[in-house]
Full PDB file with SEQRES, HELIX, SHEET, SSBOND, CRYST1, ORIGX, SCALE, CONECT and MASTER records, all heavy atoms in Angstrom:
SEQRES   1 A   42  VAL ILE ARG GLU LEU SER ASP ASP VAL ARG ARG LYS LEU          
SEQRES   2 A   42  ALA HIS ILE ALA SER LEU GLY ALA GLU ARG GLU THR ARG          
SEQRES   3 A   42  LYS ALA ALA GLU HIS PHE ASP ALA GLY GLN ARG VAL TRP          
SEQRES   4 A   42  ALA GLY ASN                                                  
HELIX    1 AA1 ILE A    2  GLU A    4  5                                   3    
HELIX    2 AA2 ASP A    7  ASP A   33  1                                  27    
HELIX    3 AA3 ARG A   37  GLY A   41  1                                   5    
CRYST1    1.000    1.000    1.000  90.00  90.00  90.00 P 1           1          
ORIGX1      1.000000  0.000000  0.000000        0.00000                         
ORIGX2      0.000000  1.000000  0.000000        0.00000                         
ORIGX3      0.000000  0.000000  1.000000        0.00000                         
SCALE1      1.000000  0.000000  0.000000        0.00000                         
SCALE2      0.000000  1.000000  0.000000        0.00000                         
SCALE3      0.000000  0.000000  1.000000        0.00000                         
ATOM      1  N   VAL A   1      -5.021   4.601 -14.849  1.00  0.00           N  
ATOM      2  CA  VAL A   1      -5.860   3.400 -14.839  1.00  0.00           C  
ATOM      3  C   VAL A   1      -6.872   3.473 -13.697  1.00  0.00           C  
ATOM      4  O   VAL A   1      -8.054   3.168 -13.883  1.00  0.00           O  
ATOM      5  CB  VAL A   1      -5.004   2.118 -14.736  1.00  0.00           C  
ATOM      6  CG1 VAL A   1      -5.873   0.891 -14.499  1.00  0.00           C  
ATOM      7  CG2 VAL A   1      -4.168   1.934 -15.988  1.00  0.00           C  
ATOM      8  N   ILE A   2      -6.442   3.894 -12.518  1.00  0.00           N  
ATOM      9  CA  ILE A   2      -7.335   3.975 -11.367  1.00  0.00           C  
ATOM     10  C   ILE A   2      -8.508   4.911 -11.650  1.00  0.00           C  
ATOM     11  O   ILE A   2      -9.646   4.611 -11.296  1.00  0.00           O  
ATOM     12  CB  ILE A   2      -6.564   4.401 -10.094  1.00  0.00           C  
ATOM     13  CG1 ILE A   2      -5.663   3.256  -9.622  1.00  0.00           C  
ATOM     14  CG2 ILE A   2      -7.529   4.804  -8.978  1.00  0.00           C  
ATOM     15  CD1 ILE A   2      -4.718   3.633  -8.497  1.00  0.00           C  
ATOM     16  N   ARG A   3      -8.238   6.029 -12.310  1.00  0.00           N  
ATOM     17  CA  ARG A   3      -9.315   6.969 -12.652  1.00  0.00           C  
ATOM     18  C   ARG A   3     -10.365   6.308 -13.539  1.00  0.00           C  
ATOM     19  O   ARG A   3     -11.535   6.682 -13.493  1.00  0.00           O  
ATOM     20  CB  ARG A   3      -8.752   8.199 -13.361  1.00  0.00           C  
ATOM     21  CG  ARG A   3      -8.253   9.258 -12.434  1.00  0.00           C  
ATOM     22  CD  ARG A   3      -8.007  10.565 -13.169  1.00  0.00           C  
ATOM     23  NE  ARG A   3      -7.096  10.431 -14.296  1.00  0.00           N  
ATOM     24  CZ  ARG A   3      -5.774  10.426 -14.226  1.00  0.00           C  
ATOM     25  NH1 ARG A   3      -5.194  10.571 -13.061  1.00  0.00           N  
ATOM     26  NH2 ARG A   3      -5.033  10.292 -15.296  1.00  0.00           N  
ATOM     27  N   GLU A   4      -9.954   5.331 -14.333  1.00  0.00           N  
ATOM     28  CA  GLU A   4     -10.867   4.674 -15.270  1.00  0.00           C  
ATOM     29  C   GLU A   4     -11.633   3.498 -14.646  1.00  0.00           C  
ATOM     30  O   GLU A   4     -12.558   2.971 -15.260  1.00  0.00           O  
ATOM     31  CB  GLU A   4     -10.093   4.171 -16.492  1.00  0.00           C  
ATOM     32  CG  GLU A   4      -9.480   5.284 -17.320  1.00  0.00           C  
ATOM     33  CD  GLU A   4     -10.545   6.173 -17.959  1.00  0.00           C  
ATOM     34  OE1 GLU A   4     -11.556   5.633 -18.447  1.00  0.00           O  
ATOM     35  OE2 GLU A   4     -10.372   7.401 -17.942  1.00  0.00           O  
ATOM     36  N   LEU A   5     -11.258   3.075 -13.457  1.00  0.00           N  
ATOM     37  CA  LEU A   5     -11.926   1.942 -12.811  1.00  0.00           C  
ATOM     38  C   LEU A   5     -13.244   2.380 -12.184  1.00  0.00           C  
ATOM     39  O   LEU A   5     -13.368   3.506 -11.698  1.00  0.00           O  
ATOM     40  CB  LEU A   5     -11.029   1.342 -11.725  1.00  0.00           C  
ATOM     41  CG  LEU A   5      -9.706   0.738 -12.180  1.00  0.00           C  
ATOM     42  CD1 LEU A   5      -8.880   0.336 -10.970  1.00  0.00           C  
ATOM     43  CD2 LEU A   5      -9.925  -0.433 -13.113  1.00  0.00           C  
ATOM     44  N   SER A   6     -14.196   1.465 -12.146  1.00  0.00           N  
ATOM     45  CA  SER A   6     -15.459   1.765 -11.459  1.00  0.00           C  
ATOM     46  C   SER A   6     -15.193   1.845  -9.958  1.00  0.00           C  
ATOM     47  O   SER A   6     -14.204   1.291  -9.447  1.00  0.00           O  
ATOM     48  CB  SER A   6     -16.492   0.679 -11.753  1.00  0.00           C  
ATOM     49  OG  SER A   6     -16.129  -0.528 -11.116  1.00  0.00           O  
ATOM     50  N   ASP A   7     -16.078   2.519  -9.255  1.00  0.00           N  
ATOM     51  CA  ASP A   7     -15.936   2.640  -7.799  1.00  0.00           C  
ATOM     52  C   ASP A   7     -15.935   1.265  -7.128  1.00  0.00           C  
ATOM     53  O   ASP A   7     -15.194   1.038  -6.175  1.00  0.00           O  
ATOM     54  CB  ASP A   7     -17.064   3.495  -7.216  1.00  0.00           C  
ATOM     55  CG  ASP A   7     -16.928   4.962  -7.577  1.00  0.00           C  
ATOM     56  OD1 ASP A   7     -15.822   5.386  -7.981  1.00  0.00           O  
ATOM     57  OD2 ASP A   7     -17.933   5.691  -7.457  1.00  0.00           O  
ATOM     58  N   ASP A   8     -16.749   0.360  -7.628  1.00  0.00           N  
ATOM     59  CA  ASP A   8     -16.832  -0.981  -7.054  1.00  0.00           C  
ATOM     60  C   ASP A   8     -15.504  -1.730  -7.198  1.00  0.00           C  
ATOM     61  O   ASP A   8     -15.022  -2.350  -6.249  1.00  0.00           O  
ATOM     62  CB  ASP A   8     -17.965  -1.768  -7.728  1.00  0.00           C  
ATOM     63  CG  ASP A   8     -18.208  -3.103  -7.062  1.00  0.00           C  
ATOM     64  OD1 ASP A   8     -18.368  -3.132  -5.829  1.00  0.00           O  
ATOM     65  OD2 ASP A   8     -18.238  -4.119  -7.782  1.00  0.00           O  
ATOM     66  N   VAL A   9     -14.902  -1.646  -8.374  1.00  0.00           N  
ATOM     67  CA  VAL A   9     -13.614  -2.323  -8.606  1.00  0.00           C  
ATOM     68  C   VAL A   9     -12.531  -1.678  -7.745  1.00  0.00           C  
ATOM     69  O   VAL A   9     -11.717  -2.392  -7.131  1.00  0.00           O  
ATOM     70  CB  VAL A   9     -13.234  -2.297 -10.103  1.00  0.00           C  
ATOM     71  CG1 VAL A   9     -11.808  -2.765 -10.322  1.00  0.00           C  
ATOM     72  CG2 VAL A   9     -14.204  -3.138 -10.902  1.00  0.00           C  
ATOM     73  N   ARG A  10     -12.522  -0.368  -7.660  1.00  0.00           N  
ATOM     74  CA  ARG A  10     -11.531   0.325  -6.823  1.00  0.00           C  
ATOM     75  C   ARG A  10     -11.657  -0.121  -5.370  1.00  0.00           C  
ATOM     76  O   ARG A  10     -10.659  -0.396  -4.702  1.00  0.00           O  
ATOM     77  CB  ARG A  10     -11.697   1.836  -6.937  1.00  0.00           C  
ATOM     78  CG  ARG A  10     -11.229   2.389  -8.261  1.00  0.00           C  
ATOM     79  CD  ARG A  10     -11.546   3.841  -8.411  1.00  0.00           C  
ATOM     80  NE  ARG A  10     -10.827   4.638  -7.437  1.00  0.00           N  
ATOM     81  CZ  ARG A  10     -10.807   5.969  -7.452  1.00  0.00           C  
ATOM     82  NH1 ARG A  10     -11.464   6.626  -8.382  1.00  0.00           N  
ATOM     83  NH2 ARG A  10     -10.135   6.638  -6.546  1.00  0.00           N  
ATOM     84  N   ARG A  11     -12.899  -0.187  -4.867  1.00  0.00           N  
ATOM     85  CA  ARG A  11     -13.131  -0.581  -3.481  1.00  0.00           C  
ATOM     86  C   ARG A  11     -12.662  -2.011  -3.232  1.00  0.00           C  
ATOM     87  O   ARG A  11     -12.008  -2.301  -2.224  1.00  0.00           O  
ATOM     88  CB  ARG A  11     -14.616  -0.430  -3.145  1.00  0.00           C  
ATOM     89  CG  ARG A  11     -14.932  -0.667  -1.695  1.00  0.00           C  
ATOM     90  CD  ARG A  11     -16.376  -0.429  -1.288  1.00  0.00           C  
ATOM     91  NE  ARG A  11     -17.483  -0.620  -2.147  1.00  0.00           N  
ATOM     92  CZ  ARG A  11     -17.899  -1.728  -2.801  1.00  0.00           C  
ATOM     93  NH1 ARG A  11     -17.344  -2.688  -2.759  1.00  0.00           N  
ATOM     94  NH2 ARG A  11     -18.928  -1.847  -3.536  1.00  0.00           N  
ATOM     95  N   LYS A  12     -12.966  -2.918  -4.157  1.00  0.00           N  
ATOM     96  CA  LYS A  12     -12.550  -4.317  -3.992  1.00  0.00           C  
ATOM     97  C   LYS A  12     -11.036  -4.463  -4.029  1.00  0.00           C  
ATOM     98  O   LYS A  12     -10.454  -5.188  -3.218  1.00  0.00           O  
ATOM     99  CB  LYS A  12     -13.192  -5.184  -5.076  1.00  0.00           C  
ATOM    100  CG  LYS A  12     -14.668  -5.404  -4.854  1.00  0.00           C  
ATOM    101  CD  LYS A  12     -15.296  -6.200  -5.972  1.00  0.00           C  
ATOM    102  CE  LYS A  12     -16.790  -6.358  -5.742  1.00  0.00           C  
ATOM    103  NZ  LYS A  12     -17.450  -7.075  -6.834  1.00  0.00           N  
ATOM    104  N   LEU A  13     -10.380  -3.773  -4.955  1.00  0.00           N  
ATOM    105  CA  LEU A  13      -8.918  -3.843  -5.026  1.00  0.00           C  
ATOM    106  C   LEU A  13      -8.273  -3.243  -3.776  1.00  0.00           C  
ATOM    107  O   LEU A  13      -7.276  -3.763  -3.271  1.00  0.00           O  
ATOM    108  CB  LEU A  13      -8.408  -3.134  -6.285  1.00  0.00           C  
ATOM    109  CG  LEU A  13      -8.644  -3.862  -7.600  1.00  0.00           C  
ATOM    110  CD1 LEU A  13      -8.304  -2.953  -8.782  1.00  0.00           C  
ATOM    111  CD2 LEU A  13      -7.836  -5.148  -7.664  1.00  0.00           C  
ATOM    112  N   ALA A  14      -8.847  -2.155  -3.265  1.00  0.00           N  
ATOM    113  CA  ALA A  14      -8.317  -1.531  -2.046  1.00  0.00           C  
ATOM    114  C   ALA A  14      -8.448  -2.487  -0.863  1.00  0.00           C  
ATOM    115  O   ALA A  14      -7.537  -2.600  -0.032  1.00  0.00           O  
ATOM    116  CB  ALA A  14      -9.037  -0.218  -1.757  1.00  0.00           C  
ATOM    117  N   HIS A  15      -9.567  -3.184  -0.788  1.00  0.00           N  
ATOM    118  CA  HIS A  15      -9.781  -4.146   0.301  1.00  0.00           C  
ATOM    119  C   HIS A  15      -8.746  -5.273   0.223  1.00  0.00           C  
ATOM    120  O   HIS A  15      -8.127  -5.639   1.228  1.00  0.00           O  
ATOM    121  CB  HIS A  15     -11.200  -4.709   0.228  1.00  0.00           C  
ATOM    122  CG  HIS A  15     -11.511  -5.698   1.293  1.00  0.00           C  
ATOM    123  ND1 HIS A  15     -11.691  -5.336   2.605  1.00  0.00           N  
ATOM    124  CD2 HIS A  15     -11.653  -7.041   1.249  1.00  0.00           C  
ATOM    125  CE1 HIS A  15     -11.927  -6.413   3.330  1.00  0.00           C  
ATOM    126  NE2 HIS A  15     -11.916  -7.468   2.525  1.00  0.00           N  
ATOM    127  N   ILE A  16      -8.537  -5.794  -0.972  1.00  0.00           N  
ATOM    128  CA  ILE A  16      -7.538  -6.854  -1.172  1.00  0.00           C  
ATOM    129  C   ILE A  16      -6.142  -6.351  -0.819  1.00  0.00           C  
ATOM    130  O   ILE A  16      -5.361  -7.053  -0.173  1.00  0.00           O  
ATOM    131  CB  ILE A  16      -7.600  -7.387  -2.616  1.00  0.00           C  
ATOM    132  CG1 ILE A  16      -8.918  -8.118  -2.851  1.00  0.00           C  
ATOM    133  CG2 ILE A  16      -6.409  -8.299  -2.917  1.00  0.00           C  
ATOM    134  CD1 ILE A  16      -9.223  -8.406  -4.309  1.00  0.00           C  
ATOM    135  N   ALA A  17      -5.825  -5.116  -1.213  1.00  0.00           N  
ATOM    136  CA  ALA A  17      -4.506  -4.539  -0.904  1.00  0.00           C  
ATOM    137  C   ALA A  17      -4.310  -4.399   0.599  1.00  0.00           C  
ATOM    138  O   ALA A  17      -3.229  -4.694   1.122  1.00  0.00           O  
ATOM    139  CB  ALA A  17      -4.340  -3.191  -1.598  1.00  0.00           C  
ATOM    140  N   SER A  18      -5.350  -3.965   1.300  1.00  0.00           N  
ATOM    141  CA  SER A  18      -5.203  -3.808   2.756  1.00  0.00           C  
ATOM    142  C   SER A  18      -5.035  -5.158   3.445  1.00  0.00           C  
ATOM    143  O   SER A  18      -4.257  -5.284   4.392  1.00  0.00           O  
ATOM    144  CB  SER A  18      -6.392  -3.033   3.343  1.00  0.00           C  
ATOM    145  OG  SER A  18      -7.582  -3.776   3.228  1.00  0.00           O  
ATOM    146  N   LEU A  19      -5.743  -6.185   2.965  1.00  0.00           N  
ATOM    147  CA  LEU A  19      -5.552  -7.530   3.516  1.00  0.00           C  
ATOM    148  C   LEU A  19      -4.135  -8.034   3.232  1.00  0.00           C  
ATOM    149  O   LEU A  19      -3.503  -8.659   4.090  1.00  0.00           O  
ATOM    150  CB  LEU A  19      -6.579  -8.503   2.925  1.00  0.00           C  
ATOM    151  CG  LEU A  19      -8.033  -8.286   3.324  1.00  0.00           C  
ATOM    152  CD1 LEU A  19      -8.939  -9.230   2.544  1.00  0.00           C  
ATOM    153  CD2 LEU A  19      -8.227  -8.454   4.815  1.00  0.00           C  
ATOM    154  N   GLY A  20      -3.628  -7.748   2.040  1.00  0.00           N  
ATOM    155  CA  GLY A  20      -2.270  -8.140   1.682  1.00  0.00           C  
ATOM    156  C   GLY A  20      -1.237  -7.435   2.545  1.00  0.00           C  
ATOM    157  O   GLY A  20      -0.244  -8.040   2.971  1.00  0.00           O  
ATOM    158  N   ALA A  21      -1.472  -6.151   2.816  1.00  0.00           N  
ATOM    159  CA  ALA A  21      -0.539  -5.394   3.663  1.00  0.00           C  
ATOM    160  C   ALA A  21      -0.507  -5.976   5.072  1.00  0.00           C  
ATOM    161  O   ALA A  21       0.566  -6.100   5.684  1.00  0.00           O  
ATOM    162  CB  ALA A  21      -0.939  -3.921   3.699  1.00  0.00           C  
ATOM    163  N   GLU A  22      -1.668  -6.358   5.576  1.00  0.00           N  
ATOM    164  CA  GLU A  22      -1.731  -6.968   6.906  1.00  0.00           C  
ATOM    165  C   GLU A  22      -0.949  -8.282   6.935  1.00  0.00           C  
ATOM    166  O   GLU A  22      -0.162  -8.538   7.855  1.00  0.00           O  
ATOM    167  CB  GLU A  22      -3.190  -7.222   7.290  1.00  0.00           C  
ATOM    168  CG  GLU A  22      -3.345  -7.897   8.635  1.00  0.00           C  
ATOM    169  CD  GLU A  22      -4.787  -8.259   8.948  1.00  0.00           C  
ATOM    170  OE1 GLU A  22      -5.660  -8.141   8.075  1.00  0.00           O  
ATOM    171  OE2 GLU A  22      -5.018  -8.696  10.090  1.00  0.00           O  
ATOM    172  N   ARG A  23      -1.136  -9.110   5.926  1.00  0.00           N  
ATOM    173  CA  ARG A  23      -0.434 -10.393   5.854  1.00  0.00           C  
ATOM    174  C   ARG A  23       1.080 -10.181   5.743  1.00  0.00           C  
ATOM    175  O   ARG A  23       1.863 -10.859   6.420  1.00  0.00           O  
ATOM    176  CB  ARG A  23      -0.928 -11.206   4.658  1.00  0.00           C  
ATOM    177  CG  ARG A  23      -0.240 -12.540   4.520  1.00  0.00           C  
ATOM    178  CD  ARG A  23      -0.755 -13.322   3.301  1.00  0.00           C  
ATOM    179  NE  ARG A  23      -0.192 -14.651   3.234  1.00  0.00           N  
ATOM    180  CZ  ARG A  23       1.032 -14.936   2.803  1.00  0.00           C  
ATOM    181  NH1 ARG A  23       1.844 -13.987   2.412  1.00  0.00           N  
ATOM    182  NH2 ARG A  23       1.461 -16.174   2.784  1.00  0.00           N  
ATOM    183  N   GLU A  24       1.494  -9.249   4.899  1.00  0.00           N  
ATOM    184  CA  GLU A  24       2.925  -8.994   4.723  1.00  0.00           C  
ATOM    185  C   GLU A  24       3.558  -8.476   6.011  1.00  0.00           C  
ATOM    186  O   GLU A  24       4.695  -8.829   6.347  1.00  0.00           O  
ATOM    187  CB  GLU A  24       3.152  -7.995   3.579  1.00  0.00           C  
ATOM    188  CG  GLU A  24       2.858  -8.552   2.206  1.00  0.00           C  
ATOM    189  CD  GLU A  24       3.761  -9.718   1.843  1.00  0.00           C  
ATOM    190  OE1 GLU A  24       4.995  -9.574   1.914  1.00  0.00           O  
ATOM    191  OE2 GLU A  24       3.222 -10.787   1.489  1.00  0.00           O  
ATOM    192  N   THR A  25       2.834  -7.656   6.756  1.00  0.00           N  
ATOM    193  CA  THR A  25       3.346  -7.140   8.031  1.00  0.00           C  
ATOM    194  C   THR A  25       3.508  -8.274   9.035  1.00  0.00           C  
ATOM    195  O   THR A  25       4.511  -8.352   9.756  1.00  0.00           O  
ATOM    196  CB  THR A  25       2.409  -6.052   8.583  1.00  0.00           C  
ATOM    197  OG1 THR A  25       2.298  -5.002   7.608  1.00  0.00           O  
ATOM    198  CG2 THR A  25       2.922  -5.476   9.881  1.00  0.00           C  
ATOM    199  N   ARG A  26       2.534  -9.155   9.077  1.00  0.00           N  
ATOM    200  CA  ARG A  26       2.615 -10.315   9.984  1.00  0.00           C  
ATOM    201  C   ARG A  26       3.797 -11.205   9.617  1.00  0.00           C  
ATOM    202  O   ARG A  26       4.558 -11.647  10.480  1.00  0.00           O  
ATOM    203  CB  ARG A  26       1.294 -11.096   9.926  1.00  0.00           C  
ATOM    204  CG  ARG A  26       1.186 -12.204  10.934  1.00  0.00           C  
ATOM    205  CD  ARG A  26      -0.198 -12.868  10.953  1.00  0.00           C  
ATOM    206  NE  ARG A  26      -0.596 -13.401   9.660  1.00  0.00           N  
ATOM    207  CZ  ARG A  26      -1.545 -12.882   8.855  1.00  0.00           C  
ATOM    208  NH1 ARG A  26      -2.185 -11.801   9.215  1.00  0.00           N  
ATOM    209  NH2 ARG A  26      -1.842 -13.444   7.700  1.00  0.00           N  
ATOM    210  N   LYS A  27       3.979 -11.457   8.313  1.00  0.00           N  
ATOM    211  CA  LYS A  27       5.107 -12.281   7.865  1.00  0.00           C  
ATOM    212  C   LYS A  27       6.438 -11.586   8.164  1.00  0.00           C  
ATOM    213  O   LYS A  27       7.421 -12.244   8.497  1.00  0.00           O  
ATOM    214  CB  LYS A  27       4.995 -12.585   6.373  1.00  0.00           C  
ATOM    215  CG  LYS A  27       3.783 -13.436   5.991  1.00  0.00           C  
ATOM    216  CD  LYS A  27       3.753 -14.758   6.721  1.00  0.00           C  
ATOM    217  CE  LYS A  27       4.365 -15.840   5.898  1.00  0.00           C  
ATOM    218  NZ  LYS A  27       4.365 -17.136   6.560  1.00  0.00           N  
ATOM    219  N   ALA A  28       6.470 -10.271   8.040  1.00  0.00           N  
ATOM    220  CA  ALA A  28       7.698  -9.530   8.358  1.00  0.00           C  
ATOM    221  C   ALA A  28       8.080  -9.733   9.821  1.00  0.00           C  
ATOM    222  O   ALA A  28       9.259  -9.929  10.141  1.00  0.00           O  
ATOM    223  CB  ALA A  28       7.518  -8.042   8.056  1.00  0.00           C  
ATOM    224  N   ALA A  29       7.093  -9.702  10.694  1.00  0.00           N  
ATOM    225  CA  ALA A  29       7.368  -9.916  12.120  1.00  0.00           C  
ATOM    226  C   ALA A  29       7.930 -11.313  12.365  1.00  0.00           C  
ATOM    227  O   ALA A  29       8.868 -11.488  13.159  1.00  0.00           O  
ATOM    228  CB  ALA A  29       6.092  -9.701  12.933  1.00  0.00           C  
ATOM    229  N   GLU A  30       7.380 -12.293  11.661  1.00  0.00           N  
ATOM    230  CA  GLU A  30       7.886 -13.667  11.795  1.00  0.00           C  
ATOM    231  C   GLU A  30       9.339 -13.756  11.328  1.00  0.00           C  
ATOM    232  O   GLU A  30      10.175 -14.381  11.988  1.00  0.00           O  
ATOM    233  CB  GLU A  30       7.026 -14.635  10.986  1.00  0.00           C  
ATOM    234  CG  GLU A  30       5.631 -14.826  11.535  1.00  0.00           C  
ATOM    235  CD  GLU A  30       4.735 -15.633  10.617  1.00  0.00           C  
ATOM    236  OE1 GLU A  30       5.251 -16.257   9.645  1.00  0.00           O  
ATOM    237  OE2 GLU A  30       3.516 -15.658  10.858  1.00  0.00           O  
ATOM    238  N   HIS A  31       9.641 -13.135  10.202  1.00  0.00           N  
ATOM    239  CA  HIS A  31      11.018 -13.147   9.697  1.00  0.00           C  
ATOM    240  C   HIS A  31      11.952 -12.411  10.653  1.00  0.00           C  
ATOM    241  O   HIS A  31      13.077 -12.863  10.904  1.00  0.00           O  
ATOM    242  CB  HIS A  31      11.097 -12.509   8.308  1.00  0.00           C  
ATOM    243  CG  HIS A  31      10.554 -13.365   7.212  1.00  0.00           C  
ATOM    244  ND1 HIS A  31      11.030 -14.617   6.917  1.00  0.00           N  
ATOM    245  CD2 HIS A  31       9.555 -13.137   6.323  1.00  0.00           C  
ATOM    246  CE1 HIS A  31      10.364 -15.131   5.899  1.00  0.00           C  
ATOM    247  NE2 HIS A  31       9.453 -14.245   5.527  1.00  0.00           N  
ATOM    248  N   PHE A  32      11.495 -11.292  11.180  1.00  0.00           N  
ATOM    249  CA  PHE A  32      12.322 -10.517  12.098  1.00  0.00           C  
ATOM    250  C   PHE A  32      12.613 -11.325  13.365  1.00  0.00           C  
ATOM    251  O   PHE A  32      13.754 -11.369  13.831  1.00  0.00           O  
ATOM    252  CB  PHE A  32      11.630  -9.193  12.445  1.00  0.00           C  
ATOM    253  CG  PHE A  32      12.519  -8.232  13.151  1.00  0.00           C  
ATOM    254  CD1 PHE A  32      13.431  -7.465  12.438  1.00  0.00           C  
ATOM    255  CD2 PHE A  32      12.463  -8.086  14.527  1.00  0.00           C  
ATOM    256  CE1 PHE A  32      14.266  -6.573  13.090  1.00  0.00           C  
ATOM    257  CE2 PHE A  32      13.298  -7.199  15.181  1.00  0.00           C  
ATOM    258  CZ  PHE A  32      14.200  -6.438  14.460  1.00  0.00           C  
ATOM    259  N   ASP A  33      11.583 -11.974  13.887  1.00  0.00           N  
ATOM    260  CA  ASP A  33      11.776 -12.811  15.083  1.00  0.00           C  
ATOM    261  C   ASP A  33      12.740 -13.960  14.825  1.00  0.00           C  
ATOM    262  O   ASP A  33      13.444 -14.397  15.736  1.00  0.00           O  
ATOM    263  CB  ASP A  33      10.433 -13.372  15.572  1.00  0.00           C  
ATOM    264  CG  ASP A  33       9.554 -12.319  16.212  1.00  0.00           C  
ATOM    265  OD1 ASP A  33      10.068 -11.224  16.551  1.00  0.00           O  
ATOM    266  OD2 ASP A  33       8.336 -12.580  16.366  1.00  0.00           O  
ATOM    267  N   ALA A  34      12.788 -14.440  13.587  1.00  0.00           N  
ATOM    268  CA  ALA A  34      13.689 -15.537  13.227  1.00  0.00           C  
ATOM    269  C   ALA A  34      15.086 -15.032  12.873  1.00  0.00           C  
ATOM    270  O   ALA A  34      15.946 -15.820  12.483  1.00  0.00           O  
ATOM    271  CB  ALA A  34      13.106 -16.316  12.050  1.00  0.00           C  
ATOM    272  N   GLY A  35      15.305 -13.724  13.000  1.00  0.00           N  
ATOM    273  CA  GLY A  35      16.617 -13.159  12.709  1.00  0.00           C  
ATOM    274  C   GLY A  35      16.873 -12.911  11.235  1.00  0.00           C  
ATOM    275  O   GLY A  35      18.000 -12.640  10.834  1.00  0.00           O  
ATOM    276  N   GLN A  36      15.847 -12.999  10.429  1.00  0.00           N  
ATOM    277  CA  GLN A  36      15.973 -12.809   8.977  1.00  0.00           C  
ATOM    278  C   GLN A  36      15.574 -11.368   8.624  1.00  0.00           C  
ATOM    279  O   GLN A  36      14.519 -11.119   8.066  1.00  0.00           O  
ATOM    280  CB  GLN A  36      15.095 -13.822   8.232  1.00  0.00           C  
ATOM    281  CG  GLN A  36      15.450 -15.244   8.544  1.00  0.00           C  
ATOM    282  CD  GLN A  36      14.395 -16.220   8.053  1.00  0.00           C  
ATOM    283  OE1 GLN A  36      13.235 -15.889   7.933  1.00  0.00           O  
ATOM    284  NE2 GLN A  36      14.826 -17.445   7.786  1.00  0.00           N  
ATOM    285  N   ARG A  37      16.450 -10.447   8.940  1.00  0.00           N  
ATOM    286  CA  ARG A  37      16.116  -9.025   8.807  1.00  0.00           C  
ATOM    287  C   ARG A  37      15.946  -8.571   7.360  1.00  0.00           C  
ATOM    288  O   ARG A  37      15.129  -7.714   7.080  1.00  0.00           O  
ATOM    289  CB  ARG A  37      17.158  -8.184   9.524  1.00  0.00           C  
ATOM    290  CG  ARG A  37      17.106  -8.396  11.012  1.00  0.00           C  
ATOM    291  CD  ARG A  37      18.132  -7.582  11.736  1.00  0.00           C  
ATOM    292  NE  ARG A  37      18.029  -7.854  13.154  1.00  0.00           N  
ATOM    293  CZ  ARG A  37      18.120  -6.924  14.066  1.00  0.00           C  
ATOM    294  NH1 ARG A  37      18.354  -5.694  13.728  1.00  0.00           N  
ATOM    295  NH2 ARG A  37      18.009  -7.247  15.325  1.00  0.00           N  
ATOM    296  N   VAL A  38      16.699  -9.139   6.449  1.00  0.00           N  
ATOM    297  CA  VAL A  38      16.544  -8.749   5.042  1.00  0.00           C  
ATOM    298  C   VAL A  38      15.170  -9.167   4.545  1.00  0.00           C  
ATOM    299  O   VAL A  38      14.462  -8.388   3.903  1.00  0.00           O  
ATOM    300  CB  VAL A  38      17.665  -9.343   4.168  1.00  0.00           C  
ATOM    301  CG1 VAL A  38      17.383  -9.101   2.689  1.00  0.00           C  
ATOM    302  CG2 VAL A  38      19.018  -8.735   4.547  1.00  0.00           C  
ATOM    303  N   TRP A  39      14.783 -10.399   4.858  1.00  0.00           N  
ATOM    304  CA  TRP A  39      13.457 -10.873   4.456  1.00  0.00           C  
ATOM    305  C   TRP A  39      12.375 -10.025   5.116  1.00  0.00           C  
ATOM    306  O   TRP A  39      11.360  -9.694   4.482  1.00  0.00           O  
ATOM    307  CB  TRP A  39      13.268 -12.343   4.822  1.00  0.00           C  
ATOM    308  CG  TRP A  39      13.963 -13.271   3.885  1.00  0.00           C  
ATOM    309  CD1 TRP A  39      15.161 -13.885   4.077  1.00  0.00           C  
ATOM    310  CD2 TRP A  39      13.518 -13.666   2.583  1.00  0.00           C  
ATOM    311  NE1 TRP A  39      15.490 -14.648   2.984  1.00  0.00           N  
ATOM    312  CE2 TRP A  39      14.495 -14.532   2.050  1.00  0.00           C  
ATOM    313  CE3 TRP A  39      12.396 -13.374   1.834  1.00  0.00           C  
ATOM    314  CZ2 TRP A  39      14.374 -15.110   0.801  1.00  0.00           C  
ATOM    315  CZ3 TRP A  39      12.269 -13.955   0.578  1.00  0.00           C  
ATOM    316  CH2 TRP A  39      13.247 -14.803   0.072  1.00  0.00           C  
ATOM    317  N   ALA A  40      12.574  -9.689   6.382  1.00  0.00           N  
ATOM    318  CA  ALA A  40      11.599  -8.853   7.083  1.00  0.00           C  
ATOM    319  C   ALA A  40      11.475  -7.496   6.394  1.00  0.00           C  
ATOM    320  O   ALA A  40      10.374  -6.989   6.192  1.00  0.00           O  
ATOM    321  CB  ALA A  40      12.012  -8.668   8.548  1.00  0.00           C  
ATOM    322  N   GLY A  41      12.599  -6.922   6.023  1.00  0.00           N  
ATOM    323  CA  GLY A  41      12.586  -5.625   5.335  1.00  0.00           C  
ATOM    324  C   GLY A  41      11.873  -5.693   3.999  1.00  0.00           C  
ATOM    325  O   GLY A  41      11.110  -4.792   3.643  1.00  0.00           O  
ATOM    326  N   ASN A  42      12.110  -6.778   3.267  1.00  0.00           N  
ATOM    327  CA  ASN A  42      11.422  -6.950   1.985  1.00  0.00           C  
ATOM    328  C   ASN A  42       9.914  -7.039   2.175  1.00  0.00           C  
ATOM    329  O   ASN A  42       9.139  -6.454   1.409  1.00  0.00           O  
ATOM    330  CB  ASN A  42      11.926  -8.203   1.265  1.00  0.00           C  
ATOM    331  CG  ASN A  42      13.348  -8.057   0.787  1.00  0.00           C  
ATOM    332  OD1 ASN A  42      13.876  -6.957   0.650  1.00  0.00           O  
ATOM    333  ND2 ASN A  42      14.003  -9.180   0.544  1.00  0.00           N  
TER     334      ASN A  42                                                      
MASTER        0    0    0    3    0    0    0    6  333    1    0    4          
END                                                                             
C-alpha cells in the first residue's frame, strides 16, 4: 500500500505518525511516574 501512495500522502502520514509517537512517549512517562508500568509499556 505504501508503494502505491503519493509522496505527499506518505509525507503527511509520516508526520502524523511521528507526532503520535511523541505523544505516546509522553503519556508513557506519565504512566510510569504514576507507577502504572503495564500502561507505560503499552
